[in-house]
Amino acid sequence: MRITLAAVGRWKRGPARALYEEYAARLTWKLDLKEVEERRPLPAAHLKAREGELLLAALPAESMVVALDSGGRGLSSEAFAERLGQWQDTGLRDVAFVIGGAEGLCDDLLRRADMRLSLGPMTWPHMLVRAMLAEQIYRAQSILSGHPYHR
């Protein structure tokens, strides 16, 4: 199973990126980060729509799309692992997690999403969400393999 993380914004060196890279390197699943960015100064609504277009274009064809959204469903680490395990066991080839920009995700992208996932009611920096998601994917892999990391 291949996992894509499509996100608005481009990394710079720093602790959040180092943390993401640490967990991404631990994965046996292939994790591909696709960053998109609109550099033109657009009004908020237009920017949100344009970022949505860029994110949709970055997704692998026919992937299971999981939108990171504050209005989404919160899952325990065990339930998240179970969901990834089910997708893997059914032969799903591509799962794509989508992280929007400061304005959030546009309606077109939310309609395209097969699932909306929340990392909790707090607001997190978008760059840190990448690292948090990579850690949870690694934790899910550990749970599924019976590795003691999760304890």
C-alpha atoms as a PDB file:
ATOM      1  CA  MET A   1       0.000   0.000   0.000  1.00  0.00           C
ATOM      2  CA  ARG A   2       1.281   3.445  -0.930  1.00  0.00           C
ATOM      3  CA  ILE A   3       0.437   6.450   1.187  1.00  0.00           C
ATOM      4  CA  THR A   4       0.464   9.997  -0.151  1.00  0.00           C
ATOM      5  CA  LEU A   5       0.387  13.035   2.055  1.00  0.00           C
ATOM      6  CA  ALA A   6      -0.753  16.013  -0.035  1.00  0.00           C
ATOM      7  CA  ALA A   7      -0.280  19.290   1.780  1.00  0.00           C
ATOM      8  CA  VAL A   8      -0.420  23.020   1.184  1.00  0.00           C
ATOM      9  CA  GLY A   9       2.871  24.824   1.747  1.00  0.00           C
ATOM     10  CA  ARG A  10       6.541  24.041   1.357  1.00  0.00           C
ATOM     11  CA  TRP A  11       8.868  22.877   4.119  1.00  0.00           C
ATOM     12  CA  LYS A  12      11.890  24.654   5.336  1.00  0.00           C
ATOM     13  CA  ARG A  13      14.479  22.937   7.514  1.00  0.00           C
ATOM     14  CA  GLY A  14      13.479  22.699  11.160  1.00  0.00           C
ATOM     15  CA  PRO A  15      12.322  20.442  13.967  1.00  0.00           C
ATOM     16  CA  ALA A  16       8.855  19.668  12.526  1.00  0.00           C
ATOM     17  CA  ARG A  17      10.393  18.534   9.249  1.00  0.00           C
ATOM     18  CA  ALA A  18      13.044  16.470  11.038  1.00  0.00           C
ATOM     19  CA  LEU A  19      10.335  14.761  13.086  1.00  0.00           C
ATOM     20  CA  TYR A  20       8.287  14.011   9.964  1.00  0.00           C
ATOM     21  CA  GLU A  21      11.348  12.597   8.203  1.00  0.00           C
ATOM     22  CA  GLU A  22      12.212  10.422  11.213  1.00  0.00           C
ATOM     23  CA  TYR A  23       8.804   8.715  11.226  1.00  0.00           C
ATOM     24  CA  ALA A  24       8.558   8.535   7.435  1.00  0.00           C
ATOM     25  CA  ALA A  25      11.900   6.700   7.356  1.00  0.00           C
ATOM     26  CA  ARG A  26      10.620   4.098   9.840  1.00  0.00           C
ATOM     27  CA  LEU A  27       7.665   3.105   7.666  1.00  0.00           C
ATOM     28  CA  THR A  28       7.581  -0.022   5.546  1.00  0.00           C
ATOM     29  CA  TRP A  29       4.675   1.487   3.620  1.00  0.00           C
ATOM     30  CA  LYS A  30       5.824   3.966   0.988  1.00  0.00           C
ATOM     31  CA  LEU A  31       5.014   7.510   2.144  1.00  0.00           C
ATOM     32  CA  ASP A  32       5.148  10.198  -0.525  1.00  0.00           C
ATOM     33  CA  LEU A  33       4.854  13.877   0.413  1.00  0.00           C
ATOM     34  CA  LYS A  34       3.381  16.109  -2.292  1.00  0.00           C
ATOM     35  CA  GLU A  35       3.485  19.796  -1.500  1.00  0.00           C
ATOM     36  CA  VAL A  36       1.419  22.365  -3.366  1.00  0.00           C
ATOM     37  CA  GLU A  37       1.561  26.113  -3.194  1.00  0.00           C
ATOM     38  CA  GLU A  38      -0.241  29.042  -4.738  1.00  0.00           C
ATOM     39  CA  ARG A  39       2.087  32.028  -4.660  1.00  0.00           C
ATOM     40  CA  ARG A  40      -0.303  34.641  -6.031  1.00  0.00           C
ATOM     41  CA  PRO A  41      -1.922  36.870  -3.393  1.00  0.00           C
ATOM     42  CA  LEU A  42      -5.565  35.841  -3.824  1.00  0.00           C
ATOM     43  CA  PRO A  43      -8.603  36.687  -1.702  1.00  0.00           C
ATOM     44  CA  ALA A  44      -9.204  33.987   0.929  1.00  0.00           C
ATOM     45  CA  ALA A  45     -12.089  32.253  -0.883  1.00  0.00           C
ATOM     46  CA  HIS A  46     -10.192  32.156  -4.179  1.00  0.00           C
ATOM     47  CA  LEU A  47      -7.035  30.929  -2.452  1.00  0.00           C
ATOM     48  CA  LYS A  48      -8.937  28.115  -0.753  1.00  0.00           C
ATOM     49  CA  ALA A  49     -10.464  27.056  -4.085  1.00  0.00           C
ATOM     50  CA  ARG A  50      -7.114  27.233  -5.898  1.00  0.00           C
ATOM     51  CA  GLU A  51      -5.337  25.220  -3.190  1.00  0.00           C
ATOM     52  CA  GLY A  52      -8.133  22.650  -3.490  1.00  0.00           C
ATOM     53  CA  GLU A  53      -7.514  22.364  -7.233  1.00  0.00           C
ATOM     54  CA  LEU A  54      -3.789  21.887  -6.656  1.00  0.00           C
ATOM     55  CA  LEU A  55      -4.372  19.274  -3.953  1.00  0.00           C
ATOM     56  CA  LEU A  56      -6.856  17.335  -6.099  1.00  0.00           C
ATOM     57  CA  ALA A  57      -4.358  17.321  -8.967  1.00  0.00           C
ATOM     58  CA  ALA A  58      -1.656  15.933  -6.644  1.00  0.00           C
ATOM     59  CA  LEU A  59      -3.689  12.880  -5.619  1.00  0.00           C
ATOM     60  CA  PRO A  60      -2.995   9.473  -7.163  1.00  0.00           C
ATOM     61  CA  ALA A  61      -5.819   8.331  -9.434  1.00  0.00           C
ATOM     62  CA  GLU A  62      -8.438   6.211  -7.683  1.00  0.00           C
ATOM     63  CA  SER A  63      -6.896   6.673  -4.246  1.00  0.00           C
ATOM     64  CA  MET A  64      -8.813   6.471  -0.988  1.00  0.00           C
ATOM     65  CA  VAL A  65      -8.864  10.134   0.058  1.00  0.00           C
ATOM     66  CA  VAL A  66      -8.754  11.098   3.731  1.00  0.00           C
ATOM     67  CA  ALA A  67      -9.265  14.811   4.385  1.00  0.00           C
ATOM     68  CA  LEU A  68      -7.771  16.175   7.590  1.00  0.00           C
ATOM     69  CA  ASP A  69     -10.647  18.321   8.780  1.00  0.00           C
ATOM     70  CA  SER A  70     -11.624  19.714  12.170  1.00  0.00           C
ATOM     71  CA  GLY A  71     -15.192  18.568  11.500  1.00  0.00           C
ATOM     72  CA  GLY A  72     -14.039  15.035  10.764  1.00  0.00           C
ATOM     73  CA  ARG A  73     -14.185  11.916  12.839  1.00  0.00           C
ATOM     74  CA  GLY A  74     -11.662  11.444  15.621  1.00  0.00           C
ATOM     75  CA  LEU A  75     -10.190   7.956  15.890  1.00  0.00           C
ATOM     76  CA  SER A  76      -8.105   6.304  18.566  1.00  0.00           C
ATOM     77  CA  SER A  77      -4.715   5.043  17.430  1.00  0.00           C
ATOM     78  CA  GLU A  78      -6.081   1.501  17.541  1.00  0.00           C
ATOM     79  CA  ALA A  79      -9.105   2.381  15.397  1.00  0.00           C
ATOM     80  CA  PHE A  80      -6.873   4.251  12.943  1.00  0.00           C
ATOM     81  CA  ALA A  81      -4.604   1.199  12.706  1.00  0.00           C
ATOM     82  CA  GLU A  82      -7.614  -1.052  12.168  1.00  0.00           C
ATOM     83  CA  ARG A  83      -8.831   1.182   9.332  1.00  0.00           C
ATOM     84  CA  LEU A  84      -5.425   1.177   7.602  1.00  0.00           C
ATOM     85  CA  GLY A  85      -5.196  -2.587   8.108  1.00  0.00           C
ATOM     86  CA  GLN A  86      -8.613  -3.114   6.517  1.00  0.00           C
ATOM     87  CA  TRP A  87      -7.624  -1.017   3.521  1.00  0.00           C
ATOM     88  CA  GLN A  88      -4.378  -2.926   3.147  1.00  0.00           C
ATOM     89  CA  ASP A  89      -6.106  -6.315   3.523  1.00  0.00           C
ATOM     90  CA  THR A  90      -8.649  -5.482   0.814  1.00  0.00           C
ATOM     91  CA  GLY A  91      -5.820  -4.732  -1.628  1.00  0.00           C
ATOM     92  CA  LEU A  92      -6.200  -0.965  -1.673  1.00  0.00           C
ATOM     93  CA  ARG A  93      -3.209   0.402  -3.575  1.00  0.00           C
ATOM     94  CA  ASP A  94      -3.271   4.101  -2.676  1.00  0.00           C
ATOM     95  CA  VAL A  95      -4.380   6.095   0.354  1.00  0.00           C
ATOM     96  CA  ALA A  96      -4.021   9.866   0.217  1.00  0.00           C
ATOM     97  CA  PHE A  97      -4.194  12.125   3.263  1.00  0.00           C
ATOM     98  CA  VAL A  98      -4.901  15.780   2.485  1.00  0.00           C
ATOM     99  CA  ILE A  99      -3.877  18.748   4.639  1.00  0.00           C
ATOM    100  CA  GLY A 100      -5.246  22.130   3.622  1.00  0.00           C
ATOM    101  CA  GLY A 101      -3.870  25.615   4.137  1.00  0.00           C
ATOM    102  CA  ALA A 102      -4.807  28.299   6.618  1.00  0.00           C
ATOM    103  CA  GLU A 103      -8.271  28.648   5.065  1.00  0.00           C
ATOM    104  CA  GLY A 104      -8.983  24.909   5.283  1.00  0.00           C
ATOM    105  CA  LEU A 105     -10.144  22.579   2.521  1.00  0.00           C
ATOM    106  CA  CYS A 106     -12.530  23.630  -0.228  1.00  0.00           C
ATOM    107  CA  ASP A 107     -15.948  22.014  -0.635  1.00  0.00           C
ATOM    108  CA  ASP A 108     -14.919  20.180  -3.836  1.00  0.00           C
ATOM    109  CA  LEU A 109     -12.124  18.425  -2.006  1.00  0.00           C
ATOM    110  CA  LEU A 110     -14.302  17.596   0.986  1.00  0.00           C
ATOM    111  CA  ARG A 111     -16.895  16.082  -1.375  1.00  0.00           C
ATOM    112  CA  ARG A 112     -14.160  14.009  -3.044  1.00  0.00           C
ATOM    113  CA  ALA A 113     -12.936  12.704   0.324  1.00  0.00           C
ATOM    114  CA  ASP A 114     -13.896   9.158   1.251  1.00  0.00           C
ATOM    115  CA  MET A 115     -13.298   9.990   4.898  1.00  0.00           C
ATOM    116  CA  ARG A 116     -12.821  13.083   7.045  1.00  0.00           C
ATOM    117  CA  LEU A 117     -10.366  12.666   9.901  1.00  0.00           C
ATOM    118  CA  SER A 118      -9.875  15.016  12.836  1.00  0.00           C
ATOM    119  CA  LEU A 119      -6.759  15.089  14.991  1.00  0.00           C
ATOM    120  CA  GLY A 120      -8.839  16.592  17.776  1.00  0.00           C
ATOM    121  CA  PRO A 121     -10.631  19.833  18.549  1.00  0.00           C
ATOM    122  CA  MET A 122      -7.446  21.904  18.931  1.00  0.00           C
ATOM    123  CA  THR A 123      -5.951  23.820  16.025  1.00  0.00           C
ATOM    124  CA  TRP A 124      -2.488  22.590  15.012  1.00  0.00           C
ATOM    125  CA  PRO A 125       0.155  24.249  12.819  1.00  0.00           C
ATOM    126  CA  HIS A 126      -0.116  22.756   9.334  1.00  0.00           C
ATOM    127  CA  MET A 127       3.563  21.820   9.218  1.00  0.00           C
ATOM    128  CA  LEU A 128       3.304  20.044  12.583  1.00  0.00           C
ATOM    129  CA  VAL A 129       0.243  18.098  11.376  1.00  0.00           C
ATOM    130  CA  ARG A 130       2.481  16.414   8.795  1.00  0.00           C
ATOM    131  CA  ALA A 131       4.749  15.093  11.559  1.00  0.00           C
ATOM    132  CA  MET A 132       1.800  14.104  13.759  1.00  0.00           C
ATOM    133  CA  LEU A 133       0.197  12.190  10.904  1.00  0.00           C
ATOM    134  CA  ALA A 134       3.464  10.436   9.989  1.00  0.00           C
ATOM    135  CA  GLU A 135       3.826   9.369  13.628  1.00  0.00           C
ATOM    136  CA  GLN A 136       0.271   8.015  13.733  1.00  0.00           C
ATOM    137  CA  ILE A 137       0.814   6.093  10.500  1.00  0.00           C
ATOM    138  CA  TYR A 138       3.990   4.602  12.003  1.00  0.00           C
ATOM    139  CA  ARG A 139       2.097   3.825  15.222  1.00  0.00           C
ATOM    140  CA  ALA A 140      -0.639   2.113  13.186  1.00  0.00           C
ATOM    141  CA  GLN A 141       1.971   0.038  11.383  1.00  0.00           C
ATOM    142  CA  SER A 142       3.473  -0.900  14.774  1.00  0.00           C
ATOM    143  CA  ILE A 143       0.076  -1.898  16.165  1.00  0.00           C
ATOM    144  CA  LEU A 144      -0.689  -4.036  13.119  1.00  0.00           C
ATOM    145  CA  SER A 145       2.668  -5.808  13.313  1.00  0.00           C
ATOM    146  CA  GLY A 146       2.510  -6.357  17.086  1.00  0.00           C
ATOM    147  CA  HIS A 147       5.604  -4.184  17.645  1.00  0.00           C
ATOM    148  CA  PRO A 148       5.893  -2.815  21.210  1.00  0.00           C
ATOM    149  CA  TYR A 149       6.293   0.840  20.058  1.00  0.00           C
ATOM    150  CA  HIS A 150       2.612   1.496  20.710  1.00  0.00           C
ATOM    151  CA  ARG A 151       2.758   0.675  24.430  1.00  0.00           C
END
